[in-house]
PDB file of N, CA and C in Angstrom:
ATOM      1  N   UNK A   1      16.764 -29.760  33.266  1.00  0.00           N
ATOM      2  CA  UNK A   1      16.333 -29.255  31.959  1.00  0.00           C
ATOM      3  C   UNK A   1      16.368 -27.728  31.965  1.00  0.00           C
ATOM      4  N   UNK A   2      17.097 -27.157  31.054  1.00  0.00           N
ATOM      5  CA  UNK A   2      17.265 -25.709  31.008  1.00  0.00           C
ATOM      6  C   UNK A   2      16.244 -25.090  30.052  1.00  0.00           C
ATOM      7  N   UNK A   3      15.498 -24.089  30.529  1.00  0.00           N
ATOM      8  CA  UNK A   3      14.494 -23.418  29.691  1.00  0.00           C
ATOM      9  C   UNK A   3      15.103 -22.141  29.123  1.00  0.00           C
ATOM     10  N   UNK A   4      15.027 -21.988  27.849  1.00  0.00           N
ATOM     11  CA  UNK A   4      15.525 -20.777  27.197  1.00  0.00           C
ATOM     12  C   UNK A   4      14.454 -19.701  27.279  1.00  0.00           C
ATOM     13  N   UNK A   5      14.867 -18.481  27.390  1.00  0.00           N
ATOM     14  CA  UNK A   5      13.865 -17.402  27.431  1.00  0.00           C
ATOM     15  C   UNK A   5      13.021 -17.395  26.153  1.00  0.00           C
ATOM     16  N   UNK A   6      11.740 -17.172  26.332  1.00  0.00           N
ATOM     17  CA  UNK A   6      10.814 -17.152  25.195  1.00  0.00           C
ATOM     18  C   UNK A   6      11.184 -16.040  24.217  1.00  0.00           C
ATOM     19  N   UNK A   7      11.637 -14.899  24.723  1.00  0.00           N
ATOM     20  CA  UNK A   7      11.967 -13.789  23.830  1.00  0.00           C
ATOM     21  C   UNK A   7      13.070 -14.154  22.859  1.00  0.00           C
ATOM     22  N   UNK A   8      13.954 -15.057  23.269  1.00  0.00           N
ATOM     23  CA  UNK A   8      15.023 -15.477  22.386  1.00  0.00           C
ATOM     24  C   UNK A   8      14.462 -16.255  21.190  1.00  0.00           C
ATOM     25  N   UNK A   9      13.474 -17.111  21.442  1.00  0.00           N
ATOM     26  CA  UNK A   9      12.819 -17.838  20.343  1.00  0.00           C
ATOM     27  C   UNK A   9      12.069 -16.858  19.445  1.00  0.00           C
ATOM     28  N   UNK A  10      11.367 -15.889  20.059  1.00  0.00           N
ATOM     29  CA  UNK A  10      10.628 -14.909  19.270  1.00  0.00           C
ATOM     30  C   UNK A  10      11.574 -14.089  18.399  1.00  0.00           C
ATOM     31  N   UNK A  11      12.723 -13.717  18.948  1.00  0.00           N
ATOM     32  CA  UNK A  11      13.711 -12.991  18.180  1.00  0.00           C
ATOM     33  C   UNK A  11      14.187 -13.820  16.988  1.00  0.00           C
ATOM     34  N   UNK A  12      14.421 -15.106  17.207  1.00  0.00           N
ATOM     35  CA  UNK A  12      14.848 -15.996  16.124  1.00  0.00           C
ATOM     36  C   UNK A  12      13.797 -16.102  15.035  1.00  0.00           C
ATOM     37  N   UNK A  13      12.540 -16.191  15.422  1.00  0.00           N
ATOM     38  CA  UNK A  13      11.446 -16.275  14.445  1.00  0.00           C
ATOM     39  C   UNK A  13      11.359 -14.974  13.640  1.00  0.00           C
ATOM     40  N   UNK A  14      11.421 -13.827  14.327  1.00  0.00           N
ATOM     41  CA  UNK A  14      11.352 -12.528  13.641  1.00  0.00           C
ATOM     42  C   UNK A  14      12.528 -12.374  12.682  1.00  0.00           C
ATOM     43  N   UNK A  15      13.705 -12.799  13.099  1.00  0.00           N
ATOM     44  CA  UNK A  15      14.882 -12.714  12.234  1.00  0.00           C
ATOM     45  C   UNK A  15      14.707 -13.585  10.994  1.00  0.00           C
ATOM     46  N   UNK A  16      14.165 -14.774  11.178  1.00  0.00           N
ATOM     47  CA  UNK A  16      13.937 -15.673  10.037  1.00  0.00           C
ATOM     48  C   UNK A  16      12.940 -15.067   9.057  1.00  0.00           C
ATOM     49  N   UNK A  17      11.904 -14.427   9.578  1.00  0.00           N
ATOM     50  CA  UNK A  17      10.906 -13.788   8.717  1.00  0.00           C
ATOM     51  C   UNK A  17      11.542 -12.632   7.943  1.00  0.00           C
ATOM     52  N   UNK A  18      12.336 -11.810   8.639  1.00  0.00           N
ATOM     53  CA  UNK A  18      12.994 -10.676   7.977  1.00  0.00           C
ATOM     54  C   UNK A  18      13.908 -11.146   6.860  1.00  0.00           C
ATOM     55  N   UNK A  19      14.680 -12.181   7.123  1.00  0.00           N
ATOM     56  CA  UNK A  19      15.607 -12.683   6.118  1.00  0.00           C
ATOM     57  C   UNK A  19      14.896 -13.327   4.942  1.00  0.00           C
ATOM     58  N   UNK A  20      13.648 -13.777   5.161  1.00  0.00           N
ATOM     59  CA  UNK A  20      12.898 -14.389   4.065  1.00  0.00           C
ATOM     60  C   UNK A  20      12.335 -13.355   3.105  1.00  0.00           C
ATOM     61  N   UNK A  21      12.340 -12.076   3.520  1.00  0.00           N
ATOM     62  CA  UNK A  21      11.808 -11.010   2.668  1.00  0.00           C
ATOM     63  C   UNK A  21      10.335 -10.742   2.908  1.00  0.00           C
ATOM     64  N   UNK A  22       9.684 -11.514   3.774  1.00  0.00           N
ATOM     65  CA  UNK A  22       8.270 -11.291   4.076  1.00  0.00           C
ATOM     66  C   UNK A  22       8.140 -10.129   5.041  1.00  0.00           C
ATOM     67  N   UNK A  23       7.098  -9.305   4.911  1.00  0.00           N
ATOM     68  CA  UNK A  23       6.937  -8.204   5.852  1.00  0.00           C
ATOM     69  C   UNK A  23       6.647  -8.740   7.243  1.00  0.00           C
ATOM     70  N   UNK A  24       7.339  -8.212   8.255  1.00  0.00           N
ATOM     71  CA  UNK A  24       7.128  -8.672   9.633  1.00  0.00           C
ATOM     72  C   UNK A  24       5.763  -8.238  10.118  1.00  0.00           C
ATOM     73  N   UNK A  25       5.365  -7.018   9.768  1.00  0.00           N
ATOM     74  CA  UNK A  25       4.078  -6.507  10.180  1.00  0.00           C
ATOM     75  C   UNK A  25       3.155  -6.508   8.970  1.00  0.00           C
ATOM     76  N   UNK A  26       2.571  -7.646   8.671  1.00  0.00           N
ATOM     77  CA  UNK A  26       1.786  -7.813   7.446  1.00  0.00           C
ATOM     78  C   UNK A  26       0.585  -6.885   7.394  1.00  0.00           C
ATOM     79  N   UNK A  27       0.098  -6.425   8.534  1.00  0.00           N
ATOM     80  CA  UNK A  27      -1.061  -5.557   8.550  1.00  0.00           C
ATOM     81  C   UNK A  27      -0.734  -4.096   8.329  1.00  0.00           C
ATOM     82  N   UNK A  28       0.527  -3.738   8.185  1.00  0.00           N
ATOM     83  CA  UNK A  28       0.939  -2.365   8.003  1.00  0.00           C
ATOM     84  C   UNK A  28       0.303  -1.811   6.735  1.00  0.00           C
ATOM     85  N   UNK A  29      -0.411  -0.672   6.863  1.00  0.00           N
ATOM     86  CA  UNK A  29      -1.108  -0.131   5.700  1.00  0.00           C
ATOM     87  C   UNK A  29      -0.154   0.374   4.626  1.00  0.00           C
ATOM     88  N   UNK A  30       1.125   0.509   4.964  1.00  0.00           N
ATOM     89  CA  UNK A  30       2.082   1.041   4.008  1.00  0.00           C
ATOM     90  C   UNK A  30       2.805  -0.045   3.227  1.00  0.00           C
ATOM     91  N   UNK A  31       2.435  -1.310   3.408  1.00  0.00           N
ATOM     92  CA  UNK A  31       3.069  -2.364   2.615  1.00  0.00           C
ATOM     93  C   UNK A  31       2.875  -2.038   1.146  1.00  0.00           C
ATOM     94  N   UNK A  32       3.946  -2.159   0.370  1.00  0.00           N
ATOM     95  CA  UNK A  32       3.858  -1.759  -1.020  1.00  0.00           C
ATOM     96  C   UNK A  32       4.182  -2.875  -1.991  1.00  0.00           C
ATOM     97  N   UNK A  33       4.503  -4.058  -1.503  1.00  0.00           N
ATOM     98  CA  UNK A  33       4.841  -5.116  -2.443  1.00  0.00           C
ATOM     99  C   UNK A  33       4.267  -6.465  -2.010  1.00  0.00           C
ATOM    100  N   UNK A  34       4.157  -7.326  -2.968  1.00  0.00           N
ATOM    101  CA  UNK A  34       3.688  -8.686  -2.770  1.00  0.00           C
ATOM    102  C   UNK A  34       4.814  -9.600  -3.228  1.00  0.00           C
ATOM    103  N   UNK A  35       4.668 -10.888  -3.032  1.00  0.00           N
ATOM    104  CA  UNK A  35       5.756 -11.837  -3.251  1.00  0.00           C
ATOM    105  C   UNK A  35       6.364 -11.846  -4.651  1.00  0.00           C
ATOM    106  N   UNK A  36       5.699 -11.321  -5.662  1.00  0.00           N
ATOM    107  CA  UNK A  36       6.268 -11.368  -7.018  1.00  0.00           C
ATOM    108  C   UNK A  36       7.270 -10.252  -7.275  1.00  0.00           C
ATOM    109  N   UNK A  37       7.492  -9.380  -6.319  1.00  0.00           N
ATOM    110  CA  UNK A  37       8.473  -8.314  -6.481  1.00  0.00           C
ATOM    111  C   UNK A  37       7.896  -7.004  -6.978  1.00  0.00           C
ATOM    112  N   UNK A  38       6.628  -6.970  -7.387  1.00  0.00           N
ATOM    113  CA  UNK A  38       6.019  -5.712  -7.799  1.00  0.00           C
ATOM    114  C   UNK A  38       5.964  -4.774  -6.607  1.00  0.00           C
ATOM    115  N   UNK A  39       6.113  -3.479  -6.890  1.00  0.00           N
ATOM    116  CA  UNK A  39       6.086  -2.495  -5.812  1.00  0.00           C
ATOM    117  C   UNK A  39       5.417  -1.236  -6.324  1.00  0.00           C
ATOM    118  N   UNK A  40       4.548  -0.654  -5.508  1.00  0.00           N
ATOM    119  CA  UNK A  40       3.917   0.611  -5.858  1.00  0.00           C
ATOM    120  C   UNK A  40       3.990   1.513  -4.639  1.00  0.00           C
ATOM    121  N   UNK A  41       4.235   2.799  -4.882  1.00  0.00           N
ATOM    122  CA  UNK A  41       4.293   3.752  -3.780  1.00  0.00           C
ATOM    123  C   UNK A  41       3.666   5.066  -4.207  1.00  0.00           C
ATOM    124  N   UNK A  42       2.753   5.559  -3.384  1.00  0.00           N
ATOM    125  CA  UNK A  42       2.174   6.879  -3.614  1.00  0.00           C
ATOM    126  C   UNK A  42       3.254   7.895  -3.255  1.00  0.00           C
ATOM    127  N   UNK A  43       3.588   8.764  -4.206  1.00  0.00           N
ATOM    128  CA  UNK A  43       4.644   9.754  -3.981  1.00  0.00           C
ATOM    129  C   UNK A  43       4.089  11.137  -3.657  1.00  0.00           C
ATOM    130  N   UNK A  44       2.848  11.400  -4.048  1.00  0.00           N
ATOM    131  CA  UNK A  44       2.227  12.681  -3.746  1.00  0.00           C
ATOM    132  C   UNK A  44       0.716  12.530  -3.794  1.00  0.00           C
ATOM    133  N   UNK A  45       0.024  12.966  -2.770  1.00  0.00           N
ATOM    134  CA  UNK A  45       0.530  13.570  -1.546  1.00  0.00           C
ATOM    135  C   UNK A  45       1.172  12.525  -0.633  1.00  0.00           C
ATOM    136  N   UNK A  46       1.820  12.987   0.425  1.00  0.00           N
ATOM    137  CA  UNK A  46       2.432  12.098   1.409  1.00  0.00           C
ATOM    138  C   UNK A  46       1.393  11.721   2.465  1.00  0.00           C
ATOM    139  N   UNK A  47       1.634  10.598   3.136  1.00  0.00           N
ATOM    140  CA  UNK A  47       0.747  10.155   4.211  1.00  0.00           C
ATOM    141  C   UNK A  47       0.628  11.264   5.261  1.00  0.00           C
ATOM    142  N   UNK A  48      -0.609  11.621   5.612  1.00  0.00           N
ATOM    143  CA  UNK A  48      -0.858  12.642   6.623  1.00  0.00           C
ATOM    144  C   UNK A  48      -0.938  14.058   6.096  1.00  0.00           C
ATOM    145  N   UNK A  49      -0.692  14.274   4.790  1.00  0.00           N
ATOM    146  CA  UNK A  49      -0.731  15.627   4.229  1.00  0.00           C
ATOM    147  C   UNK A  49      -2.130  16.223   4.305  1.00  0.00           C
ATOM    148  N   UNK A  50      -2.168  17.558   4.401  1.00  0.00           N
ATOM    149  CA  UNK A  50      -3.408  18.316   4.287  1.00  0.00           C
ATOM    150  C   UNK A  50      -3.522  18.718   2.819  1.00  0.00           C
ATOM    151  N   UNK A  51      -4.688  18.472   2.231  1.00  0.00           N
ATOM    152  CA  UNK A  51      -4.898  18.732   0.806  1.00  0.00           C
ATOM    153  C   UNK A  51      -6.218  19.463   0.607  1.00  0.00           C
ATOM    154  N   UNK A  52      -6.393  20.013  -0.590  1.00  0.00           N
ATOM    155  CA  UNK A  52      -7.667  20.611  -0.956  1.00  0.00           C
ATOM    156  C   UNK A  52      -8.632  19.523  -1.410  1.00  0.00           C
ATOM    157  N   UNK A  53      -9.846  19.894  -1.797  1.00  0.00           N
ATOM    158  CA  UNK A  53     -10.832  18.893  -2.215  1.00  0.00           C
ATOM    159  C   UNK A  53     -10.558  18.335  -3.606  1.00  0.00           C
ATOM    160  N   UNK A  54      -9.642  18.960  -4.355  1.00  0.00           N
ATOM    161  CA  UNK A  54      -9.161  18.441  -5.643  1.00  0.00           C
ATOM    162  C   UNK A  54      -7.641  18.390  -5.573  1.00  0.00           C
ATOM    163  N   UNK A  55      -7.053  17.238  -5.867  1.00  0.00           N
ATOM    164  CA  UNK A  55      -5.590  17.148  -5.865  1.00  0.00           C
ATOM    165  C   UNK A  55      -5.137  16.024  -6.774  1.00  0.00           C
ATOM    166  N   UNK A  56      -3.915  16.191  -7.293  1.00  0.00           N
ATOM    167  CA  UNK A  56      -3.322  15.201  -8.167  1.00  0.00           C
ATOM    168  C   UNK A  56      -2.717  14.079  -7.315  1.00  0.00           C
ATOM    169  N   UNK A  57      -2.960  12.851  -7.720  1.00  0.00           N
ATOM    170  CA  UNK A  57      -2.398  11.679  -7.052  1.00  0.00           C
ATOM    171  C   UNK A  57      -1.287  11.131  -7.936  1.00  0.00           C
ATOM    172  N   UNK A  58      -0.072  11.041  -7.376  1.00  0.00           N
ATOM    173  CA  UNK A  58       1.067  10.515  -8.129  1.00  0.00           C
ATOM    174  C   UNK A  58       1.590   9.271  -7.435  1.00  0.00           C
ATOM    175  N   UNK A  59       2.030   8.314  -8.237  1.00  0.00           N
ATOM    176  CA  UNK A  59       2.593   7.085  -7.675  1.00  0.00           C
ATOM    177  C   UNK A  59       3.687   6.561  -8.591  1.00  0.00           C
ATOM    178  N   UNK A  60       4.569   5.730  -8.003  1.00  0.00           N
ATOM    179  CA  UNK A  60       5.630   5.083  -8.767  1.00  0.00           C
ATOM    180  C   UNK A  60       5.417   3.582  -8.720  1.00  0.00           C
ATOM    181  N   UNK A  61       5.662   2.937  -9.837  1.00  0.00           N
ATOM    182  CA  UNK A  61       5.481   1.493  -9.971  1.00  0.00           C
ATOM    183  C   UNK A  61       6.790   0.889 -10.458  1.00  0.00           C
ATOM    184  N   UNK A  62       7.245  -0.174  -9.774  1.00  0.00           N
ATOM    185  CA  UNK A  62       8.455  -0.879 -10.193  1.00  0.00           C
ATOM    186  C   UNK A  62       8.174  -2.366 -10.298  1.00  0.00           C
ATOM    187  N   UNK A  63       9.043  -3.064 -10.996  1.00  0.00           N
ATOM    188  CA  UNK A  63       8.882  -4.515 -11.190  1.00  0.00           C
ATOM    189  C   UNK A  63       7.493  -4.822 -11.733  1.00  0.00           C
ATOM    190  N   UNK A  64       7.126  -4.151 -12.798  1.00  0.00           N
ATOM    191  CA  UNK A  64       5.760  -4.209 -13.311  1.00  0.00           C
ATOM    192  C   UNK A  64       5.501  -5.331 -14.308  1.00  0.00           C
ATOM    193  N   UNK A  65       6.347  -6.331 -14.374  1.00  0.00           N
ATOM    194  CA  UNK A  65       6.209  -7.382 -15.391  1.00  0.00           C
ATOM    195  C   UNK A  65       4.843  -8.053 -15.356  1.00  0.00           C
ATOM    196  N   UNK A  66       4.294  -8.280 -14.165  1.00  0.00           N
ATOM    197  CA  UNK A  66       3.017  -8.984 -14.063  1.00  0.00           C
ATOM    198  C   UNK A  66       1.839  -8.049 -13.791  1.00  0.00           C
ATOM    199  N   UNK A  67       2.079  -6.751 -13.842  1.00  0.00           N
ATOM    200  CA  UNK A  67       1.033  -5.782 -13.544  1.00  0.00           C
ATOM    201  C   UNK A  67       0.240  -5.483 -14.810  1.00  0.00           C
ATOM    202  N   UNK A  68      -1.077  -5.591 -14.716  1.00  0.00           N
ATOM    203  CA  UNK A  68      -1.941  -5.234 -15.824  1.00  0.00           C
ATOM    204  C   UNK A  68      -2.266  -3.756 -15.802  1.00  0.00           C
ATOM    205  N   UNK A  69      -2.689  -3.271 -14.645  1.00  0.00           N
ATOM    206  CA  UNK A  69      -3.020  -1.859 -14.488  1.00  0.00           C
ATOM    207  C   UNK A  69      -3.212  -1.547 -13.006  1.00  0.00           C
ATOM    208  N   UNK A  70      -3.493  -0.270 -12.731  1.00  0.00           N
ATOM    209  CA  UNK A  70      -3.629   0.219 -11.362  1.00  0.00           C
ATOM    210  C   UNK A  70      -5.074   0.612 -11.092  1.00  0.00           C
ATOM    211  N   UNK A  71      -5.552   0.278  -9.903  1.00  0.00           N
ATOM    212  CA  UNK A  71      -6.869   0.712  -9.435  1.00  0.00           C
ATOM    213  C   UNK A  71      -6.657   1.685  -8.285  1.00  0.00           C
ATOM    214  N   UNK A  72      -7.474   2.729  -8.227  1.00  0.00           N
ATOM    215  CA  UNK A  72      -7.403   3.714  -7.151  1.00  0.00           C
ATOM    216  C   UNK A  72      -8.696   3.626  -6.350  1.00  0.00           C
ATOM    217  N   UNK A  73      -8.554   3.674  -5.024  1.00  0.00           N
ATOM    218  CA  UNK A  73      -9.690   3.615  -4.111  1.00  0.00           C
ATOM    219  C   UNK A  73      -9.624   4.798  -3.149  1.00  0.00           C
ATOM    220  N   UNK A  74     -10.782   5.380  -2.858  1.00  0.00           N
ATOM    221  CA  UNK A  74     -10.899   6.396  -1.812  1.00  0.00           C
ATOM    222  C   UNK A  74     -11.861   5.825  -0.790  1.00  0.00           C
ATOM    223  N   UNK A  75     -11.381   5.682   0.442  1.00  0.00           N
ATOM    224  CA  UNK A  75     -12.188   5.094   1.516  1.00  0.00           C
ATOM    225  C   UNK A  75     -12.786   3.755   1.072  1.00  0.00           C
ATOM    226  N   UNK A  76     -11.967   2.930   0.456  1.00  0.00           N
ATOM    227  CA  UNK A  76     -12.316   1.593  -0.033  1.00  0.00           C
ATOM    228  C   UNK A  76     -13.332   1.588  -1.170  1.00  0.00           C
ATOM    229  N   UNK A  77     -13.576   2.738  -1.787  1.00  0.00           N
ATOM    230  CA  UNK A  77     -14.499   2.823  -2.921  1.00  0.00           C
ATOM    231  C   UNK A  77     -13.696   3.000  -4.210  1.00  0.00           C
ATOM    232  N   UNK A  78     -13.868   2.079  -5.141  1.00  0.00           N
ATOM    233  CA  UNK A  78     -13.142   2.105  -6.414  1.00  0.00           C
ATOM    234  C   UNK A  78     -13.458   3.368  -7.192  1.00  0.00           C
ATOM    235  N   UNK A  79     -12.435   4.024  -7.706  1.00  0.00           N
ATOM    236  CA  UNK A  79     -12.582   5.260  -8.477  1.00  0.00           C
ATOM    237  C   UNK A  79     -12.530   4.946  -9.967  1.00  0.00           C
ATOM    238  N   UNK A  80     -13.651   4.519 -10.505  1.00  0.00           N
ATOM    239  CA  UNK A  80     -13.739   4.142 -11.915  1.00  0.00           C
ATOM    240  C   UNK A  80     -13.391   5.345 -12.796  1.00  0.00           C
ATOM    241  N   UNK A  81     -12.565   5.102 -13.794  1.00  0.00           N
ATOM    242  CA  UNK A  81     -12.196   6.156 -14.734  1.00  0.00           C
ATOM    243  C   UNK A  81     -11.201   7.160 -14.180  1.00  0.00           C
ATOM    244  N   UNK A  82     -10.488   6.825 -13.133  1.00  0.00           N
ATOM    245  CA  UNK A  82      -9.517   7.736 -12.527  1.00  0.00           C
ATOM    246  C   UNK A  82      -8.526   8.226 -13.579  1.00  0.00           C
ATOM    247  N   UNK A  83      -8.343   9.555 -13.637  1.00  0.00           N
ATOM    248  CA  UNK A  83      -7.469  10.162 -14.653  1.00  0.00           C
ATOM    249  C   UNK A  83      -6.304  10.950 -14.043  1.00  0.00           C
ATOM    250  N   UNK A  84      -5.978  10.707 -12.759  1.00  0.00           N
ATOM    251  CA  UNK A  84      -4.830  11.374 -12.150  1.00  0.00           C
ATOM    252  C   UNK A  84      -5.172  12.401 -11.096  1.00  0.00           C
ATOM    253  N   UNK A  85      -6.408  12.899 -11.097  1.00  0.00           N
ATOM    254  CA  UNK A  85      -6.813  13.903 -10.112  1.00  0.00           C
ATOM    255  C   UNK A  85      -8.041  13.412  -9.358  1.00  0.00           C
ATOM    256  N   UNK A  86      -7.963  13.498  -8.036  1.00  0.00           N
ATOM    257  CA  UNK A  86      -9.137  13.201  -7.212  1.00  0.00           C
ATOM    258  C   UNK A  86      -9.887  14.507  -7.016  1.00  0.00           C
ATOM    259  N   UNK A  87     -11.202  14.472  -7.227  1.00  0.00           N
ATOM    260  CA  UNK A  87     -12.000  15.704  -7.231  1.00  0.00           C
ATOM    261  C   UNK A  87     -13.184  15.592  -6.289  1.00  0.00           C
ATOM    262  N   UNK A  88     -13.500  16.722  -5.649  1.00  0.00           N
ATOM    263  CA  UNK A  88     -14.726  16.839  -4.881  1.00  0.00           C
ATOM    264  C   UNK A  88     -14.776  16.029  -3.594  1.00  0.00           C
ATOM    265  N   UNK A  89     -13.640  15.779  -2.971  1.00  0.00           N
ATOM    266  CA  UNK A  89     -13.668  15.031  -1.712  1.00  0.00           C
ATOM    267  C   UNK A  89     -14.196  15.916  -0.581  1.00  0.00           C
ATOM    268  N   UNK A  90     -14.964  15.318   0.294  1.00  0.00           N
ATOM    269  CA  UNK A  90     -15.505  16.059   1.433  1.00  0.00           C
ATOM    270  C   UNK A  90     -14.396  16.343   2.443  1.00  0.00           C
ATOM    271  N   UNK A  91     -14.620  17.329   3.299  1.00  0.00           N
ATOM    272  CA  UNK A  91     -13.640  17.665   4.335  1.00  0.00           C
ATOM    273  C   UNK A  91     -13.462  16.496   5.290  1.00  0.00           C
ATOM    274  N   UNK A  92     -12.239  16.407   5.833  1.00  0.00           N
ATOM    275  CA  UNK A  92     -11.940  15.363   6.802  1.00  0.00           C
ATOM    276  C   UNK A  92     -10.921  14.375   6.261  1.00  0.00           C
ATOM    277  N   UNK A  93     -10.691  13.337   7.043  1.00  0.00           N
ATOM    278  CA  UNK A  93      -9.696  12.341   6.656  1.00  0.00           C
ATOM    279  C   UNK A  93     -10.253  11.354   5.643  1.00  0.00           C
ATOM    280  N   UNK A  94      -9.409  11.011   4.678  1.00  0.00           N
ATOM    281  CA  UNK A  94      -9.762  10.018   3.672  1.00  0.00           C
ATOM    282  C   UNK A  94      -8.581   9.078   3.468  1.00  0.00           C
ATOM    283  N   UNK A  95      -8.896   7.821   3.251  1.00  0.00           N
ATOM    284  CA  UNK A  95      -7.877   6.804   2.985  1.00  0.00           C
ATOM    285  C   UNK A  95      -7.784   6.617   1.472  1.00  0.00           C
ATOM    286  N   UNK A  96      -6.570   6.784   0.938  1.00  0.00           N
ATOM    287  CA  UNK A  96      -6.323   6.628  -0.496  1.00  0.00           C
ATOM    288  C   UNK A  96      -5.477   5.378  -0.688  1.00  0.00           C
ATOM    289  N   UNK A  97      -5.929   4.469  -1.566  1.00  0.00           N
ATOM    290  CA  UNK A  97      -5.202   3.225  -1.827  1.00  0.00           C
ATOM    291  C   UNK A  97      -5.018   3.064  -3.321  1.00  0.00           C
ATOM    292  N   UNK A  98      -3.807   2.666  -3.723  1.00  0.00           N
ATOM    293  CA  UNK A  98      -3.561   2.251  -5.095  1.00  0.00           C
ATOM    294  C   UNK A  98      -3.195   0.777  -5.055  1.00  0.00           C
ATOM    295  N   UNK A  99      -3.792   0.023  -5.964  1.00  0.00           N
ATOM    296  CA  UNK A  99      -3.534  -1.414  -6.054  1.00  0.00           C
ATOM    297  C   UNK A  99      -3.238  -1.758  -7.501  1.00  0.00           C
ATOM    298  N   UNK A 100      -2.239  -2.596  -7.702  1.00  0.00           N
ATOM    299  CA  UNK A 100      -1.982  -3.100  -9.045  1.00  0.00           C
ATOM    300  C   UNK A 100      -2.583  -4.484  -9.141  1.00  0.00           C
ATOM    301  N   UNK A 101      -3.077  -4.814 -10.318  1.00  0.00           N
ATOM    302  CA  UNK A 101      -3.619  -6.149 -10.552  1.00  0.00           C
ATOM    303  C   UNK A 101      -2.971  -6.727 -11.800  1.00  0.00           C
ATOM    304  N   UNK A 102      -3.059  -8.042 -11.912  1.00  0.00           N
ATOM    305  CA  UNK A 102      -2.562  -8.632 -13.148  1.00  0.00           C
ATOM    306  C   UNK A 102      -3.586  -8.380 -14.253  1.00  0.00           C
ATOM    307  N   UNK A 103      -3.256  -8.745 -15.450  1.00  0.00           N
ATOM    308  CA  UNK A 103      -4.091  -8.396 -16.609  1.00  0.00           C
ATOM    309  C   UNK A 103      -5.523  -8.919 -16.523  1.00  0.00           C
ATOM    310  N   UNK A 104      -5.721 -10.083 -15.903  1.00  0.00           N
ATOM    311  CA  UNK A 104      -7.077 -10.641 -15.843  1.00  0.00           C
ATOM    312  C   UNK A 104      -7.779 -10.382 -14.507  1.00  0.00           C
ATOM    313  N   UNK A 105      -7.231  -9.462 -13.707  1.00  0.00           N
ATOM    314  CA  UNK A 105      -7.841  -9.050 -12.431  1.00  0.00           C
ATOM    315  C   UNK A 105      -7.906 -10.176 -11.398  1.00  0.00           C
ATOM    316  N   UNK A 106      -7.160 -11.253 -11.575  1.00  0.00           N
ATOM    317  CA  UNK A 106      -7.292 -12.375 -10.654  1.00  0.00           C
ATOM    318  C   UNK A 106      -6.513 -12.202  -9.360  1.00  0.00           C
ATOM    319  N   UNK A 107      -5.547 -11.265  -9.320  1.00  0.00           N
ATOM    320  CA  UNK A 107      -4.841 -11.052  -8.062  1.00  0.00           C
ATOM    321  C   UNK A 107      -4.246  -9.657  -8.001  1.00  0.00           C
ATOM    322  N   UNK A 108      -4.135  -9.163  -6.762  1.00  0.00           N
ATOM    323  CA  UNK A 108      -3.467  -7.894  -6.514  1.00  0.00           C
ATOM    324  C   UNK A 108      -1.980  -8.184  -6.482  1.00  0.00           C
ATOM    325  N   UNK A 109      -1.196  -7.420  -7.231  1.00  0.00           N
ATOM    326  CA  UNK A 109       0.242  -7.651  -7.266  1.00  0.00           C
ATOM    327  C   UNK A 109       1.005  -6.710  -6.344  1.00  0.00           C
ATOM    328  N   UNK A 110       0.420  -5.573  -5.951  1.00  0.00           N
ATOM    329  CA  UNK A 110       1.027  -4.646  -5.003  1.00  0.00           C
ATOM    330  C   UNK A 110      -0.021  -3.636  -4.565  1.00  0.00           C
ATOM    331  N   UNK A 111       0.189  -3.016  -3.403  1.00  0.00           N
ATOM    332  CA  UNK A 111      -0.750  -2.017  -2.904  1.00  0.00           C
ATOM    333  C   UNK A 111      -0.030  -1.048  -1.979  1.00  0.00           C
ATOM    334  N   UNK A 112      -0.548   0.179  -1.912  1.00  0.00           N
ATOM    335  CA  UNK A 112      -0.029   1.184  -0.982  1.00  0.00           C
ATOM    336  C   UNK A 112      -1.193   2.071  -0.572  1.00  0.00           C
ATOM    337  N   UNK A 113      -1.259   2.402   0.709  1.00  0.00           N
ATOM    338  CA  UNK A 113      -2.340   3.206   1.261  1.00  0.00           C
ATOM    339  C   UNK A 113      -1.770   4.372   2.066  1.00  0.00           C
ATOM    340  N   UNK A 114      -2.391   5.522   1.896  1.00  0.00           N
ATOM    341  CA  UNK A 114      -2.069   6.690   2.712  1.00  0.00           C
ATOM    342  C   UNK A 114      -3.375   7.279   3.246  1.00  0.00           C
ATOM    343  N   UNK A 115      -3.246   8.185   4.199  1.00  0.00           N
ATOM    344  CA  UNK A 115      -4.381   8.937   4.696  1.00  0.00           C
ATOM    345  C   UNK A 115      -4.093  10.404   4.471  1.00  0.00           C
ATOM    346  N   UNK A 116      -5.076  11.135   3.956  1.00  0.00           N
ATOM    347  CA  UNK A 116      -4.946  12.589   3.763  1.00  0.00           C
ATOM    348  C   UNK A 116      -6.063  13.292   4.522  1.00  0.00           C
ATOM    349  N   UNK A 117      -5.824  14.555   4.840  1.00  0.00           N
ATOM    350  CA  UNK A 117      -6.808  15.383   5.526  1.00  0.00           C
ATOM    351  C   UNK A 117      -7.257  16.472   4.569  1.00  0.00           C
ATOM    352  N   UNK A 118      -8.493  16.378   4.073  1.00  0.00           N
ATOM    353  CA  UNK A 118      -9.026  17.371   3.131  1.00  0.00           C
ATOM    354  C   UNK A 118      -9.496  18.571   3.924  1.00  0.00           C
ATOM    355  N   UNK A 119      -8.969  19.726   3.552  1.00  0.00           N
ATOM    356  CA  UNK A 119      -9.296  20.998   4.253  1.00  0.00           C
ATOM    357  C   UNK A 119     -10.447  21.719   3.597  1.00  0.00           C
TER     358      UNK A 119
END
């Protein structure tokens, strides 16, 4: 009985996942799309940028057919009434996340997270 190397099976599984369109590293904080094809990406600032305590947050949204609106979070705290500028952040690193939801808030359709360093 011939045993095939385990890495060969793992390679086959990873290849099958890649070809299916599913993210191989599902825990990657930079994942920007979900299975419905919606995609969101923070375009400014960039991940790792140094910023002031007030800065404009810009993002791009594609395949928005099922998107109701966008929610912005700083360090996992929802920014109610967000109008495009984050204000008054304390010094240090902060995690910024944008999430799209469908119209009735029942599911997240896409998300993107970056980390910034407030100077």
